[in-house]
Structure formats: structure tokens, C-alpha cells
Amino acid sequence: MIWEDLADVDILRVGNVYYYSASNMHYSPGAPRSCDLVHWEYVGHSVPALDFGPQYDLNDGSACVKGTWASFLGYRMSNSTFYWGGCIQFSKTYIYTAKSVQGPWVRHAVLPRRYYDAGLLIDKDGTMYVAYGNTTLHVAQLSSDATHEIRSETVFIAPAAAKVLEGSRFYRVHGDYYIFTDHPPDGEYVLRSSSGPFGPYTMRPLVVRGTSPVPGAGSPHQGGIVRISRRRSCCPPDRGAQTKVPTRLQVLIVRSETAEGSHEVFDLARRRALPGFEVALNA
């Protein structure tokens, strides 16, 4: 999808344009955009200044190379605003906003909680939720102006077989809530709740020890989905010096009704065409 180290994808579509945010190994997160998920261009930087403290001024500190991990990017239609969020130095979460990805980006809020490997969901009514955490996963509801947290609850604890889950991406599809989460470096799992954003959630595998479309790379993991003419996933697999190269996989989310209730079926292997999403994962 992009032959660059743009790991831990968060990807969304606004109109006919796709936008992308990722982990970065320095504090210059770009905001690439594309009209076809193949050809990309950088159009802005969501953190305009490294003004987090004197350790960033290059005199005595080197904090500027520590990066942000699995940042989130969302678009709120009610106020035509992009929201970018990242956990800085594993302590606080910074949120920046812009009317256009080209900028200007401005610091909107600093939240005292560490939203590690977080995914942003802007629900149909405009309510903003953040899924975050490592192994113990949480969902937080933000205030209507996204300047502070209203509530946060534990929604899922990784089973012993999975050991570690992180890299949350948060969606609402067919009225149900989904948290895409990964077991690094070889598995992508999906949590589903039909009762609301705070669960309860059940888990099923999406890709576990899968074959990467990138030669020499590991199993696709940690990414997100975006709506196109099909549901697709972008999961970057690990690949040596390239670290994590984003790749595309098709994922099918189909509702089936049985005597036991409704179920979602994830079908990556058959590559069936249907209205849906693209998945972006590390390769």
C-alpha cells in the first residue's frame, strides 16, 4: 500500500478521500491522503510544534526522537473538524484539531490519562469514544467538546491464550461496536459488542499467523478498516529494516441471523466483493 515505515495504521474516509495516521519514531506525524488507497501524498503535520517541555529544545534533551505510538485520527461531521490524538511520553494524551488536514493544526486539549495505542470512534450522534490499553482494554467517553473525559471503563481483559492485546481501533458497523486489536507480532483479533460501546465484548480471531502479501514479511497485524466498495483491512506486517509496511486485505463483515441470535462472519480468504471496508495492517 505504501512502501514506507508507517506502522500501526489509523485510516478513515471523508467524502472520496482517504486519510492516514500512524506511529512515528520522531515527533513529525504526517497526514497522508489518497483517492485510491494506492497513491499517497503528504499534506500536513498534525503536531505543528514540539512544545511539550524543555526536554524537546535540543539543548540538553533528546525527547524529540521518542515518537508517538498508534495515534488516532477521526473526522466529526457535525463541526467539519479533524481530530488527531497521541500519547506523549506515555504520560498524557494530546489532541489536535484542524478544519483541513493541510492545517493549521492547533492543540485542542491535554488529557491527563494515558490513552495508549488508542482508537477514536465518533458515533452517529457525535459522541466521541476512545478505546485504549494493553492487555486490559478500556473505553473512555469524551466530553462533547473533546476537552476532557466523562467516564472510562474496563471492557475486556485478554485471555491467557492471547497474553497481550493492544493497538485498538474502534468502529460501529451494522449497529454493533467493534474494537480491532492485535497480538504483536502475528495476530489481529476483533472484539464485538451488540450492547453499546462499553460492552460486554466477545472476541474472535481475524488474522493469526497469516501469510503476508509482502515478501519476507511477518503476519499482518495492528491496523484498521475503512469503507470502500468492499470492507478492507490495512495491517502492516513486520519486515526487517522497513519495520512495518502497510498492506491491504479484504475483510467481509456479514450479519447472519440464527436461532441463537445475530452473528458477524469475517471472511478474508475468499476475497468476496461486497459493499464494505478496506483493512490496513502492518506488514
Foldseek 3Di string as FASTA:
>chain_A
DDLFLFAQWAWEDDDQKIWIWGWDQFQFTFIWMDNPVPDIDTQATQDPDPVPDPLVPPPPHDLRRRTWHQWEWDAQPVVQKIWIWTFRPQFKIWIWMANDSNDDIDTQEIERHGFALWAWDQDPVRWIKIWGDKQFIKIWTADSSRHYTDDMDGQDGHDPVLVIKGNWHWDADPQKIWIWIARPPFFIKIWIANPDPSDNTDIDTQGGQDDDPDPQFTHFYRWAKYWDQFIAAQFQTQHPPSGWDTDKFTWHWDWDQDPVGIDTDTDGPVPDGHGHIIRRRTD
